[in-house]
Structures are given as structure tokens and as C-alpha cells.
């Protein structure tokens, strides 16, 4: 049932899954392609022999501009010591999905749960439970917030930043925009090798100090762009 969620090109087969996806423009894809990326280094870092994902998209695009569906865990049957010739009566799985604008977590959750119920083989009863959802967010590249952030990073690092999209989860950003009517600007100073939220998490001191240097620049440029003194 889970394997049927993908076709031969690794596209997600759940009806309606891609309906609301905001497609990245060719200009955005060209900008993303300018970001330094070594696929061999990427695979070595993850301990994998090959990458996997939607056909006709790069690794960076699959993890940023495209929605995903992943199996987080699966278990069932006898898993104790030794062997037993018993047939499992239950099997379990945990599944998550990374969304992109303009997808809705409520809609995608409903599509997922409905898909498994409708595609259960005869004799199989499916029980589904939704844990939680968060809405996707993207920073407009023409907003004063983004332009001020880009100028601030250029001033402190001496190099213009390349806008990329990431599969992180910060669902409160959508709430901020909805309730406060403001755009959110993301400025990341950590590195992939910092192992964010993982064992041995760290933060490079050089980037820590650069962050301190960058933030005042952001306030300066943002204030100027909005006509404040």
C-alpha cells in the first residue's frame, strides 16, 4: 500500500497531491542551481550510494521546491528473539510529508488518510491517525525584508547570498503573516555540518560572530528601505 504511493518516476500517485503546488519559475531554479553543491560529498555525508526522488529534478530541488512523502517508520509481526512461524495480525507505519506553497496541511492529510482507506486489500482494515500539520511558507524575493537581508549579508560576508528553499519546519511563520500582516525574512548562519537538532549539534563561532555583525546591517537597510531614520 505504501509502495503504491509512488510511480516509476518517483512521482507521488495520491490523487490531488500536486494540485496546489506553487511551481518554481525557471529563474528561481537557475538561482538555486548557482548554490555550491557537491553531490558526491552529499552522498558521502549521508552514507548513501545514490540519491532518489522525482525524475527531472535535482537533489537540491527535490529537497526544496518539491513536496515530499516519506516513510518514517514501519513495524509489525513478531520481532522478539528467535524465530516464530506466526502471521502478523497488525502492521504499523508512520508517514510524513513536506509541503510547499500553496499546499494545505489539512487538505494533504485528508488525501493521505483517504488514500490508504480506499486502497486497502480485501480483508484489511485501516485505522489512521493524524498527528499534526504545519503550513508551508516562502519569503517573497521582492519584499523589503528579503532585500534588506540580502544587502546585510553582502555587507558582512562580502558576497551576495543565493536564495534557496529548504525543507525545514517553522509553521509559526505562516501564522505571523496571517495575524500580523508582515513578511518573514529568513537569515540562516548555520552550516549543514552543524547537525541541527541532531546528536553533536554545534555552531561555528565565526558564523556566530558574523550573525551578530549582520543583524544591525539588516535593521539599517530595512529602515532605509521603508523610509525611516
C-alpha atoms as a PDB file:
ATOM      1  CA  UNK A   1       0.000   0.000   0.000  1.00  0.00           C
ATOM      2  CA  UNK A   2       2.810   2.390   0.883  1.00  0.00           C
ATOM      3  CA  UNK A   3       4.849   1.443  -2.178  1.00  0.00           C
ATOM      4  CA  UNK A   4       1.866   2.299  -4.370  1.00  0.00           C
ATOM      5  CA  UNK A   5       2.221   5.948  -3.325  1.00  0.00           C
ATOM      6  CA  UNK A   6       4.974   6.318  -5.960  1.00  0.00           C
ATOM      7  CA  UNK A   7       5.126   5.581  -9.675  1.00  0.00           C
ATOM      8  CA  UNK A   8       8.089   4.506 -11.817  1.00  0.00           C
ATOM      9  CA  UNK A   9       9.378   8.105 -11.969  1.00  0.00           C
ATOM     10  CA  UNK A  10       9.083   8.518  -8.189  1.00  0.00           C
ATOM     11  CA  UNK A  11       6.149  10.896  -8.523  1.00  0.00           C
ATOM     12  CA  UNK A  12       3.601  10.752  -5.706  1.00  0.00           C
ATOM     13  CA  UNK A  13       0.495   8.990  -7.000  1.00  0.00           C
ATOM     14  CA  UNK A  14      -2.054  10.156  -4.422  1.00  0.00           C
ATOM     15  CA  UNK A  15      -4.831  11.902  -6.391  1.00  0.00           C
ATOM     16  CA  UNK A  16      -4.818  15.656  -5.860  1.00  0.00           C
ATOM     17  CA  UNK A  17      -1.461  15.726  -4.068  1.00  0.00           C
ATOM     18  CA  UNK A  18       0.155  18.177  -6.517  1.00  0.00           C
ATOM     19  CA  UNK A  19      -2.965  20.231  -7.288  1.00  0.00           C
ATOM     20  CA  UNK A  20      -1.986  23.288  -5.234  1.00  0.00           C
ATOM     21  CA  UNK A  21       1.793  23.162  -5.638  1.00  0.00           C
ATOM     22  CA  UNK A  22       3.267  26.568  -6.459  1.00  0.00           C
ATOM     23  CA  UNK A  23       5.706  25.726  -9.241  1.00  0.00           C
ATOM     24  CA  UNK A  24       9.107  27.372  -9.039  1.00  0.00           C
ATOM     25  CA  UNK A  25       9.905  29.580 -12.015  1.00  0.00           C
ATOM     26  CA  UNK A  26      12.837  28.904 -14.310  1.00  0.00           C
ATOM     27  CA  UNK A  27      14.529  31.999 -12.854  1.00  0.00           C
ATOM     28  CA  UNK A  28      14.185  30.598  -9.330  1.00  0.00           C
ATOM     29  CA  UNK A  29      15.562  27.230 -10.436  1.00  0.00           C
ATOM     30  CA  UNK A  30      18.504  28.953 -12.121  1.00  0.00           C
ATOM     31  CA  UNK A  31      19.280  30.891  -8.936  1.00  0.00           C
ATOM     32  CA  UNK A  32      19.086  27.722  -6.852  1.00  0.00           C
ATOM     33  CA  UNK A  33      21.473  25.973  -9.254  1.00  0.00           C
ATOM     34  CA  UNK A  34      24.110  28.626  -8.507  1.00  0.00           C
ATOM     35  CA  UNK A  35      24.407  27.498  -4.885  1.00  0.00           C
ATOM     36  CA  UNK A  36      27.543  25.396  -4.292  1.00  0.00           C
ATOM     37  CA  UNK A  37      26.640  21.719  -4.175  1.00  0.00           C
ATOM     38  CA  UNK A  38      28.758  18.588  -4.480  1.00  0.00           C
ATOM     39  CA  UNK A  39      26.562  15.528  -4.907  1.00  0.00           C
ATOM     40  CA  UNK A  40      29.364  13.075  -4.152  1.00  0.00           C
ATOM     41  CA  UNK A  41      30.147  14.913  -0.926  1.00  0.00           C
ATOM     42  CA  UNK A  42      26.425  14.992  -0.120  1.00  0.00           C
ATOM     43  CA  UNK A  43      26.105  11.217  -0.554  1.00  0.00           C
ATOM     44  CA  UNK A  44      29.240  10.534   1.456  1.00  0.00           C
ATOM     45  CA  UNK A  45      27.986  12.748   4.291  1.00  0.00           C
ATOM     46  CA  UNK A  46      24.664  10.862   4.417  1.00  0.00           C
ATOM     47  CA  UNK A  47      26.288   7.467   3.957  1.00  0.00           C
ATOM     48  CA  UNK A  48      24.283   6.601   0.837  1.00  0.00           C
ATOM     49  CA  UNK A  49      25.360   5.208  -2.529  1.00  0.00           C
ATOM     50  CA  UNK A  50      22.792   7.070  -4.616  1.00  0.00           C
ATOM     51  CA  UNK A  51      20.091   9.719  -4.396  1.00  0.00           C
ATOM     52  CA  UNK A  52      16.386   9.175  -5.055  1.00  0.00           C
ATOM     53  CA  UNK A  53      13.434  11.360  -5.963  1.00  0.00           C
ATOM     54  CA  UNK A  54      11.247  12.830  -8.662  1.00  0.00           C
ATOM     55  CA  UNK A  55      12.592  12.460 -12.158  1.00  0.00           C
ATOM     56  CA  UNK A  56      13.796  15.654 -13.897  1.00  0.00           C
ATOM     57  CA  UNK A  57      14.568  17.450 -10.628  1.00  0.00           C
ATOM     58  CA  UNK A  58      17.953  17.928  -8.994  1.00  0.00           C
ATOM     59  CA  UNK A  59      18.715  16.839  -5.434  1.00  0.00           C
ATOM     60  CA  UNK A  60      18.503  20.441  -4.239  1.00  0.00           C
ATOM     61  CA  UNK A  61      15.164  20.934  -5.984  1.00  0.00           C
ATOM     62  CA  UNK A  62      13.754  17.727  -4.518  1.00  0.00           C
ATOM     63  CA  UNK A  63      14.586  18.912  -1.006  1.00  0.00           C
ATOM     64  CA  UNK A  64      13.426  22.490  -1.524  1.00  0.00           C
ATOM     65  CA  UNK A  65      10.943  23.330  -4.250  1.00  0.00           C
ATOM     66  CA  UNK A  66       9.118  19.976  -4.406  1.00  0.00           C
ATOM     67  CA  UNK A  67       6.751  18.393  -1.870  1.00  0.00           C
ATOM     68  CA  UNK A  68       7.713  15.030  -0.441  1.00  0.00           C
ATOM     69  CA  UNK A  69       6.200  11.928   1.099  1.00  0.00           C
ATOM     70  CA  UNK A  70       8.352   9.759   3.332  1.00  0.00           C
ATOM     71  CA  UNK A  71       8.067   6.626   5.410  1.00  0.00           C
ATOM     72  CA  UNK A  72       9.485   7.433   8.860  1.00  0.00           C
ATOM     73  CA  UNK A  73       8.998   4.017  10.419  1.00  0.00           C
ATOM     74  CA  UNK A  74       7.320   0.652   9.819  1.00  0.00           C
ATOM     75  CA  UNK A  75       6.852  -2.316  12.119  1.00  0.00           C
ATOM     76  CA  UNK A  76       4.669  -5.348  12.723  1.00  0.00           C
ATOM     77  CA  UNK A  77       4.661  -9.082  13.361  1.00  0.00           C
ATOM     78  CA  UNK A  78       6.939 -10.975  15.699  1.00  0.00           C
ATOM     79  CA  UNK A  79      10.169  -9.063  16.390  1.00  0.00           C
ATOM     80  CA  UNK A  80      11.396 -10.838  19.519  1.00  0.00           C
ATOM     81  CA  UNK A  81      14.330 -13.197  19.957  1.00  0.00           C
ATOM     82  CA  UNK A  82      14.452 -16.306  17.797  1.00  0.00           C
ATOM     83  CA  UNK A  83      12.079 -17.398  15.048  1.00  0.00           C
ATOM     84  CA  UNK A  84       8.335 -17.959  15.088  1.00  0.00           C
ATOM     85  CA  UNK A  85       6.154 -19.050  12.179  1.00  0.00           C
ATOM     86  CA  UNK A  86       3.289 -16.736  13.121  1.00  0.00           C
ATOM     87  CA  UNK A  87       1.366 -14.458  10.808  1.00  0.00           C
ATOM     88  CA  UNK A  88       1.109 -10.852  11.977  1.00  0.00           C
ATOM     89  CA  UNK A  89      -2.399  -9.530  12.520  1.00  0.00           C
ATOM     90  CA  UNK A  90      -1.334  -5.903  12.624  1.00  0.00           C
ATOM     91  CA  UNK A  91       1.213  -3.666  10.886  1.00  0.00           C
ATOM     92  CA  UNK A  92       2.035  -0.057  11.620  1.00  0.00           C
ATOM     93  CA  UNK A  93       3.677   2.829   9.801  1.00  0.00           C
ATOM     94  CA  UNK A  94       4.430   6.484  10.405  1.00  0.00           C
ATOM     95  CA  UNK A  95       4.389   8.752   7.369  1.00  0.00           C
ATOM     96  CA  UNK A  96       5.150  12.432   6.936  1.00  0.00           C
ATOM     97  CA  UNK A  97       5.007  14.909   4.089  1.00  0.00           C
ATOM     98  CA  UNK A  98       6.972  18.091   3.475  1.00  0.00           C
ATOM     99  CA  UNK A  99       4.739  20.670   1.847  1.00  0.00           C
ATOM    100  CA  UNK A 100       5.452  23.639  -0.409  1.00  0.00           C
ATOM    101  CA  UNK A 101       3.378  26.755  -1.125  1.00  0.00           C
ATOM    102  CA  UNK A 102       0.372  26.710  -1.696  1.00  0.00           C
ATOM    103  CA  UNK A 103      -0.407  23.298  -0.250  1.00  0.00           C
ATOM    104  CA  UNK A 104      -2.601  22.923   2.829  1.00  0.00           C
ATOM    105  CA  UNK A 105      -1.631  20.517   5.597  1.00  0.00           C
ATOM    106  CA  UNK A 106      -5.300  19.874   6.345  1.00  0.00           C
ATOM    107  CA  UNK A 107      -6.068  19.003   2.718  1.00  0.00           C
ATOM    108  CA  UNK A 108      -2.971  16.835   2.229  1.00  0.00           C
ATOM    109  CA  UNK A 109      -3.629  14.966   5.480  1.00  0.00           C
ATOM    110  CA  UNK A 110      -7.161  14.202   4.346  1.00  0.00           C
ATOM    111  CA  UNK A 111      -5.906  12.989   0.953  1.00  0.00           C
ATOM    112  CA  UNK A 112      -3.328  10.708   2.574  1.00  0.00           C
ATOM    113  CA  UNK A 113      -5.689   9.168   5.092  1.00  0.00           C
ATOM    114  CA  UNK A 114      -8.400   8.677   2.487  1.00  0.00           C
ATOM    115  CA  UNK A 115      -5.947   7.072   0.056  1.00  0.00           C
ATOM    116  CA  UNK A 116      -4.951   4.292   2.448  1.00  0.00           C
ATOM    117  CA  UNK A 117      -8.522   3.575   3.495  1.00  0.00           C
ATOM    118  CA  UNK A 118      -9.679   3.298  -0.144  1.00  0.00           C
ATOM    119  CA  UNK A 119      -6.705   1.196  -1.279  1.00  0.00           C
ATOM    120  CA  UNK A 120      -6.762  -1.411   1.465  1.00  0.00           C
ATOM    121  CA  UNK A 121      -6.881  -5.001   0.095  1.00  0.00           C
ATOM    122  CA  UNK A 122      -9.920  -7.146   0.916  1.00  0.00           C
ATOM    123  CA  UNK A 123      -9.799  -8.340   4.500  1.00  0.00           C
ATOM    124  CA  UNK A 124      -7.600  -5.452   5.663  1.00  0.00           C
ATOM    125  CA  UNK A 125      -8.968  -2.795   7.993  1.00  0.00           C
ATOM    126  CA  UNK A 126      -7.149   0.535   8.028  1.00  0.00           C
ATOM    127  CA  UNK A 127      -7.095   2.810  11.044  1.00  0.00           C
ATOM    128  CA  UNK A 128      -5.465   6.210  10.507  1.00  0.00           C
ATOM    129  CA  UNK A 129      -4.467   8.907  12.996  1.00  0.00           C
ATOM    130  CA  UNK A 130      -3.301  12.422  12.182  1.00  0.00           C
ATOM    131  CA  UNK A 131      -0.573  13.783  14.449  1.00  0.00           C
ATOM    132  CA  UNK A 132      -0.148  17.421  13.452  1.00  0.00           C
ATOM    133  CA  UNK A 133       0.378  19.682  10.472  1.00  0.00           C
ATOM    134  CA  UNK A 134       2.109  22.951   9.618  1.00  0.00           C
ATOM    135  CA  UNK A 135       1.662  25.289   6.707  1.00  0.00           C
ATOM    136  CA  UNK A 136       4.463  25.961   4.173  1.00  0.00           C
ATOM    137  CA  UNK A 137       5.955  29.424   3.857  1.00  0.00           C
ATOM    138  CA  UNK A 138       8.119  31.218   1.315  1.00  0.00           C
ATOM    139  CA  UNK A 139       9.784  34.613   1.583  1.00  0.00           C
ATOM    140  CA  UNK A 140       8.946  36.901  -1.373  1.00  0.00           C
ATOM    141  CA  UNK A 141      12.193  37.872  -3.096  1.00  0.00           C
ATOM    142  CA  UNK A 142      10.792  41.313  -3.953  1.00  0.00           C
ATOM    143  CA  UNK A 143       9.904  42.201  -0.359  1.00  0.00           C
ATOM    144  CA  UNK A 144      11.856  44.859   1.568  1.00  0.00           C
ATOM    145  CA  UNK A 145      12.567  42.272   4.253  1.00  0.00           C
ATOM    146  CA  UNK A 146      14.337  39.950   1.817  1.00  0.00           C
ATOM    147  CA  UNK A 147      16.169  42.763   0.021  1.00  0.00           C
ATOM    148  CA  UNK A 148      17.389  44.179   3.348  1.00  0.00           C
ATOM    149  CA  UNK A 149      18.527  40.738   4.493  1.00  0.00           C
ATOM    150  CA  UNK A 150      20.397  40.140   1.231  1.00  0.00           C
ATOM    151  CA  UNK A 151      22.099  43.545   1.485  1.00  0.00           C
ATOM    152  CA  UNK A 152      23.033  42.891   5.118  1.00  0.00           C
ATOM    153  CA  UNK A 153      24.602  39.517   4.344  1.00  0.00           C
ATOM    154  CA  UNK A 154      26.501  41.026   1.410  1.00  0.00           C
ATOM    155  CA  UNK A 155      27.845  43.765   3.691  1.00  0.00           C
ATOM    156  CA  UNK A 156      29.028  41.397   6.427  1.00  0.00           C
ATOM    157  CA  UNK A 157      30.203  38.392   4.388  1.00  0.00           C
ATOM    158  CA  UNK A 158      31.385  40.294   1.321  1.00  0.00           C
ATOM    159  CA  UNK A 159      29.404  38.056  -1.009  1.00  0.00           C
ATOM    160  CA  UNK A 160      25.822  38.217  -2.258  1.00  0.00           C
ATOM    161  CA  UNK A 161      23.606  35.419  -0.887  1.00  0.00           C
ATOM    162  CA  UNK A 162      21.837  32.916  -3.118  1.00  0.00           C
ATOM    163  CA  UNK A 163      18.155  32.386  -2.253  1.00  0.00           C
ATOM    164  CA  UNK A 164      17.314  28.729  -1.708  1.00  0.00           C
ATOM    165  CA  UNK A 165      14.346  26.831  -0.366  1.00  0.00           C
ATOM    166  CA  UNK A 166      14.669  24.321   2.424  1.00  0.00           C
ATOM    167  CA  UNK A 167      12.547  21.519   3.823  1.00  0.00           C
ATOM    168  CA  UNK A 168      12.577  22.839   7.381  1.00  0.00           C
ATOM    169  CA  UNK A 169       9.525  23.148   9.617  1.00  0.00           C
ATOM    170  CA  UNK A 170       8.772  26.595  11.047  1.00  0.00           C
ATOM    171  CA  UNK A 171       4.961  26.600  10.845  1.00  0.00           C
ATOM    172  CA  UNK A 172       4.578  29.660  13.079  1.00  0.00           C
ATOM    173  CA  UNK A 173       5.781  31.876  10.207  1.00  0.00           C
ATOM    174  CA  UNK A 174       2.506  31.460   8.329  1.00  0.00           C
ATOM    175  CA  UNK A 175       0.648  32.407  11.499  1.00  0.00           C
ATOM    176  CA  UNK A 176       2.801  35.529  11.925  1.00  0.00           C
ATOM    177  CA  UNK A 177       1.986  36.702   8.413  1.00  0.00           C
ATOM    178  CA  UNK A 178      -1.713  35.951   8.813  1.00  0.00           C
ATOM    179  CA  UNK A 179      -2.122  37.633  12.198  1.00  0.00           C
ATOM    180  CA  UNK A 180       0.384  40.486  11.898  1.00  0.00           C
ATOM    181  CA  UNK A 181       0.250  41.192   8.171  1.00  0.00           C
ATOM    182  CA  UNK A 182       4.041  41.067   7.826  1.00  0.00           C
ATOM    183  CA  UNK A 183       6.524  39.183   5.656  1.00  0.00           C
ATOM    184  CA  UNK A 184       9.111  36.942   7.271  1.00  0.00           C
ATOM    185  CA  UNK A 185      12.780  37.051   6.275  1.00  0.00           C
ATOM    186  CA  UNK A 186      14.956  34.004   6.967  1.00  0.00           C
ATOM    187  CA  UNK A 187      18.675  34.507   7.579  1.00  0.00           C
ATOM    188  CA  UNK A 188      20.485  31.289   8.338  1.00  0.00           C
ATOM    189  CA  UNK A 189      24.029  31.338   9.719  1.00  0.00           C
ATOM    190  CA  UNK A 190      24.398  27.647  10.455  1.00  0.00           C
ATOM    191  CA  UNK A 191      26.026  25.063   8.215  1.00  0.00           C
ATOM    192  CA  UNK A 192      24.740  21.654   7.170  1.00  0.00           C
ATOM    193  CA  UNK A 193      27.661  20.156   9.083  1.00  0.00           C
ATOM    194  CA  UNK A 194      26.385  21.744  12.316  1.00  0.00           C
ATOM    195  CA  UNK A 195      23.923  18.834  12.669  1.00  0.00           C
ATOM    196  CA  UNK A 196      20.957  20.985  13.665  1.00  0.00           C
ATOM    197  CA  UNK A 197      18.627  19.201  16.146  1.00  0.00           C
ATOM    198  CA  UNK A 198      20.879  16.142  15.985  1.00  0.00           C
ATOM    199  CA  UNK A 199      23.483  14.496  18.216  1.00  0.00           C
ATOM    200  CA  UNK A 200      26.680  16.559  18.480  1.00  0.00           C
ATOM    201  CA  UNK A 201      24.904  19.710  17.342  1.00  0.00           C
ATOM    202  CA  UNK A 202      27.266  22.680  17.089  1.00  0.00           C
ATOM    203  CA  UNK A 203      27.508  26.219  15.777  1.00  0.00           C
ATOM    204  CA  UNK A 204      30.628  27.687  14.177  1.00  0.00           C
ATOM    205  CA  UNK A 205      31.908  30.626  16.246  1.00  0.00           C
ATOM    206  CA  UNK A 206      32.892  32.509  13.084  1.00  0.00           C
ATOM    207  CA  UNK A 207      29.317  32.329  11.807  1.00  0.00           C
ATOM    208  CA  UNK A 208      28.009  33.256  15.269  1.00  0.00           C
ATOM    209  CA  UNK A 209      30.022  36.490  15.193  1.00  0.00           C
ATOM    210  CA  UNK A 210      29.088  37.107  11.565  1.00  0.00           C
ATOM    211  CA  UNK A 211      25.459  36.802  12.562  1.00  0.00           C
ATOM    212  CA  UNK A 212      25.930  39.445  15.249  1.00  0.00           C
ATOM    213  CA  UNK A 213      27.522  41.668  12.614  1.00  0.00           C
ATOM    214  CA  UNK A 214      24.779  41.050  10.062  1.00  0.00           C
ATOM    215  CA  UNK A 215      21.677  41.788  12.157  1.00  0.00           C
ATOM    216  CA  UNK A 216      22.429  45.515  12.709  1.00  0.00           C
ATOM    217  CA  UNK A 217      23.031  45.870   8.970  1.00  0.00           C
ATOM    218  CA  UNK A 218      19.615  44.322   8.371  1.00  0.00           C
ATOM    219  CA  UNK A 219      17.888  46.826  10.654  1.00  0.00           C
ATOM    220  CA  UNK A 220      19.780  49.677   8.992  1.00  0.00           C
ATOM    221  CA  UNK A 221      18.895  48.666   5.432  1.00  0.00           C
ATOM    222  CA  UNK A 222      15.328  47.707   6.291  1.00  0.00           C
ATOM    223  CA  UNK A 223      14.773  51.058   7.959  1.00  0.00           C
ATOM    224  CA  UNK A 224      16.168  52.908   4.941  1.00  0.00           C
ATOM    225  CA  UNK A 225      14.015  50.933   2.512  1.00  0.00           C
ATOM    226  CA  UNK A 226      10.915  51.787   4.487  1.00  0.00           C
ATOM    227  CA  UNK A 227      11.744  55.478   4.716  1.00  0.00           C
ATOM    228  CA  UNK A 228      12.573  55.522   8.424  1.00  0.00           C
ATOM    229  CA  UNK A 229      15.515  57.194  10.066  1.00  0.00           C
END
